[in-house]
């Protein structure tokens, strides 16, 4: 649509549009911006250059004073353009390029600031942020865990987040149809302000999707984007059997051709049908009995994953996906366990069949069933093995050898010459005596423990270290247990001796024979060393609890 002169003037000077004064508008025409179509040749940098020229126009004009001297002139005053006008003019240059990219004509409706331009500026800022944040994204690779069918979906998502030369997501390179329909679908409309339109169609729903669907493959920058897609595909297939499929596209770096080759050979309709059948069979036939450690949560997760895979397959083959009530029904039919609590939960789910009940919501039904899983309950109550809370050991002493000298504290080990010379005379003497006693302590060879091999790398004999550690732990535990047993035996012997002595004292208090007196003396002589402390404690307790004389 061709703008009339009145519409063009209103676009530049109306306060609700670019809000540029008439004098500045006239100077813009001199700078080369006469019509709205002229904005196609400008960008942010060139608009800033125009603004600088307006502020310093150069030249002179006649002196406007009331009675100026004859022939007097003054420098040309600057042409004013506010920050708001500059911002709106930059947005207008971007949307004009966008309409040209998607094949839309400029109209008085889709070039209103409060309608399309303002909304487009917001979308374009989001695109700029996306381009900056996703400059170093990792390319998804084809692996054993990511089959080529699933990889194709991941690769599409990856390209949708990477922007090309024209700020278009690179997924436009591998879209199904290379040719763009000549007629663009009508723009989406909104109520406020009246008769307002969005800068994209209702069919596409966003500026990004409009660019992907209608970005031309004939533009000079498409070659750069196409090569970039090829580089990503080559990286994703490098070292796999799928790399041979893109060899024909290697010379031209044709990313679209390489993509179609992989999809047609390894991710065609037959592959999606095969995966769909496997997922459908799982949902219909797989049973859960609660055997071994196979939890109900894992079974539900597999049901959920199968359904998600079926949704992906349905985008490539014709298939009627199960609704929510069908999903819940298949899940309940697959649970074959006689646990009373779980059976009660299943009955409650089946009874809750209202429009908003659990039979109509897969996630709500599974959340209700999982707490009744007998396998998880059994695993949660299982006792764990005992463990040693605290052990300390000297590994060197447990192996029967001292690690340090008892006099100077010198470490008994091999010393380099510089280390040995740094020791004191007393330390050297003690180390020398220890070496003579132990017939010398040789430098460890390269393959033992912490020695170095020929290329200078330190090697560690993990098995030997592990064995030494086990020996040290066993020795420490045995020593600790022996110490405790000895202490217990000592306490028991002391208590027994105290008891015998008290019995002899009580016998001596009564009339007794010489034989009894001799037995008392014999018991006293056999008392242990700590008898006095034990006896004092007993007597003190006896004095506390004995009745006092009035």
Protein backbone atom coordinates (compact mmCIF):
# COMPACT_ATOMS: atom_id res chain seq x y z
CA UNK A 1 0.00 0.00 0.00
CA UNK A 2 1.33 3.44 -0.99
CA UNK A 3 1.18 6.08 1.75
CA UNK A 4 -0.42 9.39 0.84
CA UNK A 5 1.45 12.61 1.49
CA UNK A 6 -0.83 13.39 4.43
CA UNK A 7 -0.26 9.94 5.96
CA UNK A 8 3.51 10.28 5.56
CA UNK A 9 3.56 13.73 7.18
CA UNK A 10 1.35 12.50 10.04
CA UNK A 11 3.67 9.52 10.61
CA UNK A 12 6.67 11.81 11.19
CA UNK A 13 5.06 14.80 12.91
CA UNK A 14 2.03 13.49 14.84
CA UNK A 15 2.61 13.47 18.65
CA UNK A 16 1.29 9.88 18.84
CA UNK A 17 3.77 8.79 16.15
CA UNK A 18 7.37 10.01 15.70
CA UNK A 19 6.60 13.45 17.24
CA UNK A 20 9.12 15.38 15.10
CA UNK A 21 8.75 19.14 14.52
CA UNK A 22 8.00 20.46 11.03
CA UNK A 23 11.42 22.16 10.76
CA UNK A 24 13.26 18.97 11.75
CA UNK A 25 11.06 16.95 9.42
CA UNK A 26 12.10 19.20 6.52
CA UNK A 27 15.76 18.73 7.42
CA UNK A 28 15.24 14.94 7.58
CA UNK A 29 14.23 15.05 3.94
CA UNK A 30 17.57 16.66 3.17
CA UNK A 31 19.28 13.83 5.12
CA UNK A 32 17.51 11.28 2.91
CA UNK A 33 14.46 10.30 4.99
CA UNK A 34 11.58 11.50 2.88
CA UNK A 35 9.16 8.56 2.92
CA UNK A 36 8.57 5.68 5.31
CA UNK A 37 10.12 3.27 2.79
CA UNK A 38 13.38 5.23 3.08
CA UNK A 39 13.78 3.89 6.63
CA UNK A 40 14.65 0.51 5.12
CA UNK A 41 18.13 1.84 4.29
CA UNK A 42 18.85 3.10 7.83
CA UNK A 43 19.77 1.42 11.09
CA UNK A 44 20.57 2.56 14.62
CA UNK A 45 24.07 3.74 13.70
CA UNK A 46 22.97 5.75 10.70
CA UNK A 47 20.05 7.28 12.63
CA UNK A 48 22.52 8.51 15.26
CA UNK A 49 24.60 10.03 12.46
CA UNK A 50 21.52 11.85 11.19
CA UNK A 51 20.80 13.17 14.70
CA UNK A 52 24.38 14.47 14.98
CA UNK A 53 23.99 16.28 11.65
CA UNK A 54 20.76 17.85 12.84
CA UNK A 55 22.45 19.15 15.98
CA UNK A 56 25.34 20.64 13.96
CA UNK A 57 23.77 21.50 10.60
CA UNK A 58 26.56 23.81 9.38
CA UNK A 59 26.19 26.80 7.07
CA UNK A 60 24.75 30.22 7.83
CA UNK A 61 21.37 31.90 7.53
CA UNK A 62 20.31 35.57 7.32
CA UNK A 63 20.34 37.42 10.61
CA UNK A 64 16.78 37.22 12.04
CA UNK A 65 17.16 40.35 14.20
CA UNK A 66 14.61 43.15 13.79
CA UNK A 67 17.10 45.61 12.28
CA UNK A 68 20.12 43.52 11.24
CA UNK A 69 23.08 45.05 9.48
CA UNK A 70 22.93 44.75 5.76
CA UNK A 71 24.04 41.33 4.58
CA UNK A 72 24.66 40.01 8.09
CA UNK A 73 24.25 36.25 8.74
CA UNK A 74 24.40 33.90 11.72
CA UNK A 75 25.34 30.20 12.05
CA UNK A 76 22.45 27.86 11.26
CA UNK A 77 20.76 26.90 14.57
CA UNK A 78 20.48 23.19 15.48
CA UNK A 79 17.38 21.19 14.62
CA UNK A 80 15.89 19.67 17.75
CA UNK A 81 14.91 16.00 18.06
CA UNK A 82 13.99 14.67 21.50
CA UNK A 83 15.03 11.34 22.96
CA UNK A 84 11.51 9.99 22.52
CA UNK A 85 11.51 10.82 18.81
CA UNK A 86 14.93 9.21 18.34
CA UNK A 87 13.82 6.02 20.13
CA UNK A 88 10.64 5.75 18.08
CA UNK A 89 12.47 6.43 14.81
CA UNK A 90 14.97 3.63 15.59
CA UNK A 91 12.06 1.27 16.31
CA UNK A 92 10.45 2.25 13.01
CA UNK A 93 13.63 1.39 11.07
CA UNK A 94 13.69 -2.09 12.68
CA UNK A 95 10.05 -2.91 12.02
CA UNK A 96 10.34 -1.78 8.39
CA UNK A 97 13.18 -4.29 7.91
CA UNK A 98 11.11 -6.95 9.71
CA UNK A 99 8.12 -6.44 7.40
CA UNK A 100 10.44 -6.65 4.42
CA UNK A 101 11.88 -9.96 5.76
CA UNK A 102 8.48 -11.60 6.28
CA UNK A 103 7.02 -10.19 3.06
CA UNK A 104 4.43 -7.74 4.41
CA UNK A 105 3.43 -4.42 2.90
CA UNK A 106 3.65 -1.24 4.96
CA UNK A 107 0.26 0.23 5.86
CA UNK A 108 -0.97 3.10 7.97
CA UNK A 109 -2.34 0.52 10.45
CA UNK A 110 0.72 -1.67 10.94
CA UNK A 111 3.01 1.39 11.20
CA UNK A 112 1.29 2.94 14.21
CA UNK A 113 3.48 3.38 17.26
CA UNK A 114 0.85 2.48 19.85
CA UNK A 115 -0.12 -0.60 17.90
CA UNK A 116 2.48 -2.66 16.10
CA UNK A 117 5.75 -0.71 16.47
CA UNK A 118 5.76 -0.55 20.27
CA UNK A 119 4.98 -4.27 20.58
CA UNK A 120 7.63 -5.14 18.01
CA UNK A 121 10.30 -3.18 19.87
CA UNK A 122 9.64 -5.29 22.97
CA UNK A 123 9.90 -8.54 20.98
CA UNK A 124 13.07 -7.36 19.28
CA UNK A 125 14.73 -6.54 22.61
CA UNK A 126 13.96 -10.08 23.74
CA UNK A 127 15.59 -11.41 20.57
CA UNK A 128 18.72 -9.36 21.25
CA UNK A 129 18.93 -10.76 24.78
CA UNK A 130 18.46 -14.30 23.46
CA UNK A 131 21.23 -13.84 20.90
CA UNK A 132 23.64 -12.61 23.56
CA UNK A 133 22.83 -15.31 26.13
CA UNK A 134 22.95 -18.24 23.68
CA UNK A 135 26.21 -17.51 21.91
CA UNK A 136 28.00 -20.43 23.60
CA UNK A 137 25.32 -23.11 23.74
CA UNK A 138 26.45 -26.74 23.60
CA UNK A 139 25.38 -28.57 20.46
CA UNK A 140 23.34 -31.72 21.28
CA UNK A 141 25.26 -34.84 20.22
CA UNK A 142 23.94 -38.15 18.93
CA UNK A 143 24.79 -40.75 21.58
CA UNK A 144 23.58 -44.10 22.83
CA UNK A 145 21.30 -42.40 25.32
CA UNK A 146 20.10 -39.81 22.79
CA UNK A 147 18.93 -41.71 19.73
CA UNK A 148 18.78 -39.97 16.38
CA UNK A 149 15.00 -39.60 16.53
CA UNK A 150 15.13 -37.85 19.91
CA UNK A 151 18.22 -35.94 18.80
CA UNK A 152 16.33 -34.47 15.86
CA UNK A 153 13.85 -32.88 18.27
CA UNK A 154 16.63 -31.61 20.55
CA UNK A 155 18.50 -30.18 17.57
CA UNK A 156 15.42 -28.26 16.45
CA UNK A 157 15.09 -26.75 19.92
CA UNK A 158 18.77 -25.86 19.85
CA UNK A 159 18.47 -24.04 16.50
CA UNK A 160 15.40 -22.15 17.72
CA UNK A 161 17.60 -20.54 20.41
CA UNK A 162 20.47 -19.58 18.10
CA UNK A 163 19.95 -16.45 15.98
CA UNK A 164 21.46 -15.98 12.55
CA UNK A 165 22.73 -13.01 10.59
CA UNK A 166 19.31 -11.43 10.24
CA UNK A 167 18.23 -12.00 13.85
CA UNK A 168 16.18 -15.01 12.70
CA UNK A 169 16.33 -18.28 14.70
CA UNK A 170 18.36 -20.78 12.67
CA UNK A 171 15.50 -23.25 12.75
CA UNK A 172 14.18 -21.41 9.66
CA UNK A 173 16.96 -23.11 7.67
CA UNK A 174 15.55 -26.63 8.28
CA UNK A 175 11.81 -25.87 8.19
CA UNK A 176 9.70 -28.27 6.13
CA UNK A 177 8.97 -25.92 3.22
CA UNK A 178 11.76 -23.83 1.74
CA UNK A 179 9.44 -21.61 -0.32
CA UNK A 180 7.45 -18.92 1.48
CA UNK A 181 3.78 -18.40 0.49
CA UNK A 182 3.38 -15.12 -1.39
CA UNK A 183 0.39 -13.94 0.64
CA UNK A 184 1.12 -13.35 4.30
CA UNK A 185 -1.61 -14.37 6.76
CA UNK A 186 -3.57 -11.46 8.30
CA UNK A 187 -2.15 -9.79 11.36
CA UNK A 188 -3.58 -10.60 14.77
CA UNK A 189 -5.77 -7.84 16.23
CA UNK A 190 -6.29 -6.50 19.75
CA UNK A 191 -9.00 -4.34 21.29
CA UNK A 192 -6.91 -1.62 22.97
CA UNK A 193 -6.32 0.72 21.34
CA UNK A 194 -9.21 0.38 18.92
CA UNK A 195 -8.45 -1.36 15.64
CA UNK A 196 -4.97 -2.21 16.88
CA UNK A 197 -2.86 -4.97 15.33
CA UNK A 198 0.10 -7.06 16.41
CA UNK A 199 3.21 -7.21 14.22
CA UNK A 200 2.60 -10.92 13.61
CA UNK A 201 -0.23 -13.14 12.49
CA UNK A 202 -2.51 -15.13 14.72
CA UNK A 203 -1.29 -18.25 12.93
CA UNK A 204 2.31 -17.79 14.08
CA UNK A 205 1.70 -16.07 17.41
CA UNK A 206 5.02 -14.23 17.82
CA UNK A 207 7.67 -12.28 15.99
CA UNK A 208 10.12 -15.21 16.31
CA UNK A 209 7.73 -17.73 14.77
CA UNK A 210 6.79 -15.30 12.00
CA UNK A 211 10.48 -14.93 11.13
CA UNK A 212 11.03 -18.71 11.15
CA UNK A 213 7.98 -19.39 8.98
CA UNK A 214 8.46 -16.56 6.46
CA UNK A 215 12.20 -15.84 6.46
CA UNK A 216 13.33 -16.08 2.83
CA UNK A 217 15.99 -18.56 1.70
CA UNK A 218 16.90 -16.24 -1.18
CA UNK A 219 18.48 -13.54 0.95
CA UNK A 220 22.30 -13.17 0.66
CA UNK A 221 22.69 -13.85 4.40
CA UNK A 222 20.97 -17.25 4.10
CA UNK A 223 24.21 -18.78 2.85
CA UNK A 224 25.98 -17.84 6.09
CA UNK A 225 23.15 -19.25 8.20
CA UNK A 226 23.04 -22.43 6.13
CA UNK A 227 26.78 -23.00 6.61
CA UNK A 228 26.44 -22.46 10.34
CA UNK A 229 23.75 -25.15 10.53
CA UNK A 230 26.04 -27.55 8.66
CA UNK A 231 28.83 -26.90 11.16
CA UNK A 232 26.46 -27.73 14.02
CA UNK A 233 25.31 -30.97 12.34
CA UNK A 234 28.90 -32.00 11.65
CA UNK A 235 29.78 -31.48 15.30
CA UNK A 236 26.73 -33.47 16.43
CA UNK A 237 27.50 -36.46 14.20
CA UNK A 238 31.29 -36.45 14.52
CA UNK A 239 32.61 -39.91 15.32
CA UNK A 240 29.27 -41.68 14.70
CA UNK A 241 27.92 -43.83 11.89
CA UNK A 242 25.70 -40.92 10.89
CA UNK A 243 28.66 -38.77 9.80
CA UNK A 244 28.74 -40.55 6.43
CA UNK A 245 25.26 -39.25 5.61
CA UNK A 246 26.42 -35.63 5.52
CA UNK A 247 29.53 -36.21 3.40
CA UNK A 248 27.79 -35.11 0.16
CA UNK A 249 27.15 -31.71 1.78
CA UNK A 250 30.69 -31.22 3.07
CA UNK A 251 32.07 -29.21 0.14
CA UNK A 252 29.17 -26.76 -0.11
CA UNK A 253 28.49 -26.70 3.64
CA UNK A 254 24.79 -27.12 2.88
CA UNK A 255 23.18 -27.47 6.29
CA UNK A 256 19.65 -27.94 5.00
CA UNK A 257 20.75 -30.78 2.70
CA UNK A 258 22.69 -32.48 5.50
CA UNK A 259 19.69 -32.22 7.82
CA UNK A 260 17.30 -33.77 5.31
CA UNK A 261 19.76 -36.60 4.63
CA UNK A 262 19.93 -37.63 8.31
CA UNK A 263 16.20 -37.24 8.92
CA UNK A 264 15.17 -39.19 5.83
CA UNK A 265 17.57 -42.07 6.56
CA UNK A 266 17.41 -42.40 10.33
CA UNK A 267 14.46 -40.39 11.64
CA UNK A 268 11.80 -41.10 9.05
CA UNK A 269 8.18 -42.03 9.56
CA UNK A 270 8.96 -45.73 10.06
CA UNK A 271 11.29 -44.94 13.00
CA UNK A 272 8.63 -42.86 14.73
CA UNK A 273 6.03 -45.58 14.17
CA UNK A 274 8.35 -48.14 15.76
CA UNK A 275 8.93 -45.99 18.82
CA UNK A 276 5.21 -45.23 19.06
CA UNK A 277 4.40 -48.95 19.09
CA UNK A 278 6.91 -49.63 21.87
CA UNK A 279 5.48 -46.85 24.05
CA UNK A 280 1.90 -47.90 23.34
CA UNK A 281 2.69 -51.53 24.22
CA UNK A 282 4.24 -50.45 27.53
CA UNK A 283 1.18 -48.47 28.58
CA UNK A 284 -1.22 -51.28 27.64
CA UNK A 285 0.66 -54.42 28.72
CA UNK A 286 3.31 -53.65 31.35
CA UNK A 287 2.36 -54.84 34.86
CA UNK A 288 3.69 -53.79 38.25
CA UNK A 289 3.66 -56.40 41.02
CA UNK A 290 5.98 -54.76 43.55
CA UNK A 291 8.61 -57.46 43.19
CA UNK A 292 12.15 -56.85 44.46
CA UNK A 293 13.10 -53.15 44.50
CA UNK A 294 10.94 -52.03 41.55
CA UNK A 295 9.02 -49.15 43.14
CA UNK A 296 5.66 -47.79 42.13
CA UNK A 297 7.25 -44.37 41.59
CA UNK A 298 9.55 -45.82 38.93
CA UNK A 299 6.61 -47.53 37.21
CA UNK A 300 4.64 -44.27 37.17
CA UNK A 301 7.68 -42.42 35.80
CA UNK A 302 7.94 -44.90 32.93
CA UNK A 303 4.24 -44.42 32.18
CA UNK A 304 4.77 -40.66 32.08
CA UNK A 305 7.86 -40.91 29.86
CA UNK A 306 6.06 -43.21 27.44
CA UNK A 307 3.20 -40.75 27.09
CA UNK A 308 5.61 -37.85 26.42
CA UNK A 309 7.35 -39.91 23.75
CA UNK A 310 3.97 -40.72 22.20
CA UNK A 311 3.22 -36.99 21.99
CA UNK A 312 6.46 -36.46 20.10
CA UNK A 313 5.70 -39.35 17.76
CA UNK A 314 2.20 -37.98 17.09
CA UNK A 315 3.81 -34.93 15.48
CA UNK A 316 5.28 -37.17 12.77
CA UNK A 317 2.65 -39.91 12.34
CA UNK A 318 -1.14 -39.98 12.61
CA UNK A 319 -2.14 -41.24 16.04
CA UNK A 320 -4.92 -40.54 18.53
CA UNK A 321 -3.31 -39.85 21.89
CA UNK A 322 -5.01 -41.25 25.01
CA UNK A 323 -6.85 -38.70 27.12
CA UNK A 324 -6.41 -38.26 30.87
CA UNK A 325 -9.05 -40.77 31.97
CA UNK A 326 -7.60 -43.39 29.60
CA UNK A 327 -4.11 -42.83 30.98
CA UNK A 328 -5.31 -43.29 34.56
CA UNK A 329 -7.30 -46.38 33.59
CA UNK A 330 -4.26 -48.04 31.97
CA UNK A 331 -2.13 -47.19 35.02
CA UNK A 332 -4.60 -48.73 37.47
CA UNK A 333 -4.96 -51.84 35.33
CA UNK A 334 -1.19 -52.26 35.30
CA UNK A 335 -0.90 -52.35 39.11
CA UNK A 336 -1.17 -55.96 40.35
CA UNK A 337 -0.30 -55.94 44.04
CA UNK A 338 -2.40 -57.24 46.93
CA UNK A 339 -1.16 -54.85 49.61
CA UNK A 340 -4.27 -53.72 51.57
CA UNK A 341 -3.23 -50.07 51.83
CA UNK A 342 -2.48 -49.82 48.13
CA UNK A 343 -5.73 -51.59 47.21
CA UNK A 344 -7.67 -49.10 49.33
CA UNK A 345 -5.93 -46.20 47.56
CA UNK A 346 -6.76 -47.71 44.16
CA UNK A 347 -10.41 -48.04 45.14
CA UNK A 348 -10.55 -44.39 46.21
CA UNK A 349 -9.08 -43.27 42.90
CA UNK A 350 -11.63 -45.31 40.94
CA UNK A 351 -14.45 -43.86 43.02
CA UNK A 352 -13.29 -40.27 42.38
CA UNK A 353 -14.62 -40.15 38.80
CA UNK A 354 -16.16 -36.66 38.78
CA UNK A 355 -15.19 -34.02 36.18
CA UNK A 356 -12.42 -32.76 38.46
CA UNK A 357 -11.69 -36.11 40.11
CA UNK A 358 -8.54 -38.15 40.14
CA UNK A 359 -9.77 -40.42 37.33
CA UNK A 360 -9.56 -37.36 35.06
CA UNK A 361 -6.10 -36.20 36.20
CA UNK A 362 -3.09 -38.50 35.80
CA UNK A 363 -0.73 -36.43 37.97
CA UNK A 364 -3.29 -36.07 40.78
CA UNK A 365 -3.98 -39.80 40.76
CA UNK A 366 -0.29 -40.74 40.91
CA UNK A 367 0.38 -38.25 43.71
CA UNK A 368 -2.39 -39.93 45.72
CA UNK A 369 -1.12 -43.48 45.06
CA UNK A 370 2.61 -43.10 45.68
CA UNK A 371 2.46 -42.74 49.50
CA UNK A 372 0.81 -46.19 49.61
CA UNK A 373 3.64 -47.93 47.71
CA UNK A 374 4.51 -51.05 49.78
CA UNK A 375 7.98 -51.34 48.23
CA UNK A 376 9.02 -47.83 49.24
CA UNK A 377 7.55 -48.33 52.72
CA UNK A 378 9.46 -51.58 53.17
CA UNK A 379 12.73 -50.05 51.95
CA UNK A 380 12.27 -47.02 54.19
CA UNK A 381 11.99 -49.19 57.35
CA UNK A 382 14.92 -51.47 56.54
CA UNK A 383 17.73 -51.38 59.11
CA UNK A 384 21.14 -50.39 57.93
CA UNK A 385 24.41 -52.04 58.97
CA UNK A 386 26.28 -50.87 62.06
CA UNK A 387 29.34 -48.70 61.70
CA UNK A 388 32.39 -47.75 63.76
CA UNK A 389 31.86 -44.26 65.14
CA UNK A 390 35.48 -43.37 65.95
CA UNK A 391 38.85 -45.01 65.31
CA UNK A 392 42.32 -43.54 65.56
CA UNK A 393 45.44 -45.40 64.54
CA UNK A 394 49.07 -44.85 63.76
CA UNK A 395 49.61 -46.79 60.54
CA UNK A 396 53.36 -46.85 60.98
CA UNK A 397 53.17 -48.20 64.57
CA UNK A 398 50.55 -50.78 63.62
CA UNK A 399 52.93 -52.25 61.08
CA UNK A 400 55.48 -52.85 63.85
CA UNK A 401 57.84 -49.98 63.00
CA UNK A 402 58.34 -46.59 64.58
CA UNK A 403 57.62 -43.59 62.39
CA UNK A 404 59.46 -40.98 64.49
CA UNK A 405 62.44 -40.94 66.77
CA UNK A 406 61.58 -40.92 70.49
CA UNK A 407 64.37 -38.41 71.34
CA UNK A 408 64.44 -35.76 68.58
CA UNK A 409 61.20 -36.59 66.76
CA UNK A 410 62.98 -37.10 63.42
CA UNK A 411 60.96 -39.03 60.83
CA UNK A 412 62.37 -42.46 60.01
CA UNK A 413 62.35 -42.35 56.19
CA UNK A 414 64.56 -41.73 53.19
CA UNK A 415 65.97 -38.19 52.92
CA UNK A 416 67.40 -36.40 49.90
CA UNK A 417 70.82 -34.87 50.45
CA UNK A 418 69.49 -31.35 50.86
CA UNK A 419 66.87 -32.57 53.36
CA UNK A 420 69.43 -34.57 55.34
CA UNK A 421 71.78 -31.62 55.62
CA UNK A 422 68.98 -29.48 57.03
CA UNK A 423 68.56 -31.86 60.02
CA UNK A 424 70.27 -31.08 63.32
CA UNK A 425 73.25 -33.09 64.50
CA UNK A 426 71.12 -34.87 67.13
CA UNK A 427 68.50 -35.79 64.51
CA UNK A 428 71.18 -37.10 62.14
CA UNK A 429 72.70 -39.22 64.92
CA UNK A 430 69.33 -40.71 65.88
CA UNK A 431 68.44 -41.37 62.24
CA UNK A 432 71.85 -43.01 61.64
CA UNK A 433 71.44 -45.27 64.68
CA UNK A 434 67.95 -46.29 63.53
CA UNK A 435 69.26 -47.14 60.07
CA UNK A 436 72.05 -49.30 61.53
CA UNK A 437 69.57 -51.10 63.74
CA UNK A 438 67.18 -51.69 60.80
CA UNK A 439 70.01 -52.51 58.37
CA UNK A 440 69.46 -49.32 56.39
CA UNK A 441 66.38 -47.77 54.83
CA UNK A 442 66.70 -47.75 51.05
CA UNK A 443 65.15 -45.22 48.70
CA UNK A 444 61.89 -46.59 47.26
CA UNK A 445 61.94 -47.53 43.61
CA UNK A 446 59.84 -45.95 40.92
CA UNK A 447 57.01 -48.49 40.88
CA UNK A 448 56.42 -48.58 44.68
CA UNK A 449 54.01 -46.36 46.50
CA UNK A 450 55.08 -42.74 45.90
CA UNK A 451 58.18 -43.17 43.74
CA UNK A 452 58.48 -41.61 40.29
CA UNK A 453 58.66 -43.52 37.05
CA UNK A 454 60.88 -42.77 34.08
CA UNK A 455 58.66 -40.01 32.70
CA UNK A 456 58.38 -38.28 36.09
CA UNK A 457 54.80 -39.18 36.91
CA UNK A 458 54.01 -40.16 40.51
CA UNK A 459 52.47 -43.60 40.89
CA UNK A 460 50.55 -44.90 43.88
CA UNK A 461 50.15 -48.56 44.71
CA UNK A 462 46.47 -48.34 45.62
CA UNK A 463 46.16 -52.00 46.55
CA UNK A 464 49.09 -51.89 48.99
CA UNK A 465 47.87 -48.67 50.60
CA UNK A 466 44.39 -50.13 50.96
CA UNK A 467 45.81 -53.28 52.58
CA UNK A 468 47.93 -51.24 55.00
CA UNK A 469 44.91 -49.16 55.93
CA UNK A 470 42.79 -52.24 56.64
CA UNK A 471 45.56 -53.68 58.83
CA UNK A 472 45.83 -50.39 60.73
CA UNK A 473 42.07 -50.19 61.30
CA UNK A 474 41.90 -53.82 62.44
CA UNK A 475 44.78 -53.30 64.87
CA UNK A 476 43.23 -50.13 66.26
CA UNK A 477 39.84 -51.76 66.76
CA UNK A 478 41.41 -54.83 68.41
CA UNK A 479 43.46 -52.65 70.74
CA UNK A 480 40.42 -50.60 71.71
CA UNK A 481 38.33 -53.71 72.41
CA UNK A 482 41.16 -55.28 74.45
CA UNK A 483 41.51 -52.13 76.50
CA UNK A 484 37.78 -52.10 77.28
CA UNK A 485 37.78 -55.80 78.24
CA UNK A 486 40.74 -55.23 80.59
CA UNK A 487 39.00 -52.29 82.26
CA UNK A 488 35.82 -54.33 82.72
CA UNK A 489 37.75 -57.24 84.23
CA UNK A 490 39.60 -54.90 86.61
CA UNK A 491 36.34 -53.36 87.82
CA UNK A 492 34.77 -56.78 88.30
CA UNK A 493 37.80 -58.04 90.30
CA UNK A 494 37.79 -54.95 92.50
CA UNK A 495 34.11 -55.31 93.28
CA UNK A 496 34.55 -58.99 94.10
CA UNK A 497 37.48 -58.27 96.42
CA UNK A 498 35.58 -55.51 98.23
CA UNK A 499 32.65 -57.86 98.76
CA UNK A 500 34.85 -60.56 100.27
CA UNK A 501 36.51 -58.09 102.60
CA UNK A 502 33.19 -56.68 103.84
CA UNK A 503 31.98 -60.21 104.51
CA UNK A 504 35.12 -60.94 106.52
CA UNK A 505 34.67 -57.75 108.55
CA UNK A 506 31.11 -58.69 109.44
CA UNK A 507 32.26 -62.17 110.47
CA UNK A 508 35.00 -60.67 112.63
CA UNK A 509 32.49 -58.48 114.48
CA UNK A 510 30.80 -61.60 115.88
CA UNK A 511 32.53 -64.08 118.20
CA UNK A 512 34.91 -65.88 115.94
CA UNK A 513 37.58 -68.46 116.14
CA UNK A 514 41.22 -67.95 115.36
CA UNK A 515 40.56 -69.56 112.03
CA UNK A 516 38.09 -66.84 111.09
CA UNK A 517 40.53 -64.12 112.15
CA UNK A 518 43.16 -65.70 109.98
CA UNK A 519 40.75 -65.73 107.02
CA UNK A 520 40.07 -62.01 107.57
CA UNK A 521 43.76 -61.21 107.52
CA UNK A 522 44.26 -63.31 104.41
CA UNK A 523 41.45 -61.47 102.60
CA UNK A 524 42.93 -58.11 103.56
CA UNK A 525 46.32 -59.10 102.17
CA UNK A 526 44.72 -60.13 98.84
CA UNK A 527 43.02 -56.77 98.29
CA UNK A 528 43.84 -54.96 94.99
CA UNK A 529 45.74 -51.68 94.84
CA UNK A 530 42.65 -49.52 94.34
CA UNK A 531 40.87 -51.11 97.29
CA UNK A 532 41.14 -48.02 99.52
CA UNK A 533 39.30 -45.73 97.11
CA UNK A 534 36.56 -48.31 96.51
CA UNK A 535 36.15 -48.95 100.27
CA UNK A 536 36.01 -45.27 101.09
CA UNK A 537 33.28 -44.77 98.51
CA UNK A 538 31.24 -47.64 99.97
CA UNK A 539 31.64 -46.38 103.52
CA UNK A 540 30.66 -42.86 102.51
CA UNK A 541 27.45 -44.11 100.89
CA UNK A 542 26.76 -46.25 103.99
CA UNK A 543 27.14 -43.26 106.30
CA UNK A 544 24.75 -41.20 104.22
CA UNK A 545 21.99 -43.78 104.24
CA UNK A 546 22.42 -45.06 107.85
CA UNK A 547 19.88 -43.73 110.43
CA UNK A 548 21.25 -41.04 112.76
CA UNK A 549 21.17 -41.48 116.56
CA UNK A 550 18.91 -39.10 118.45
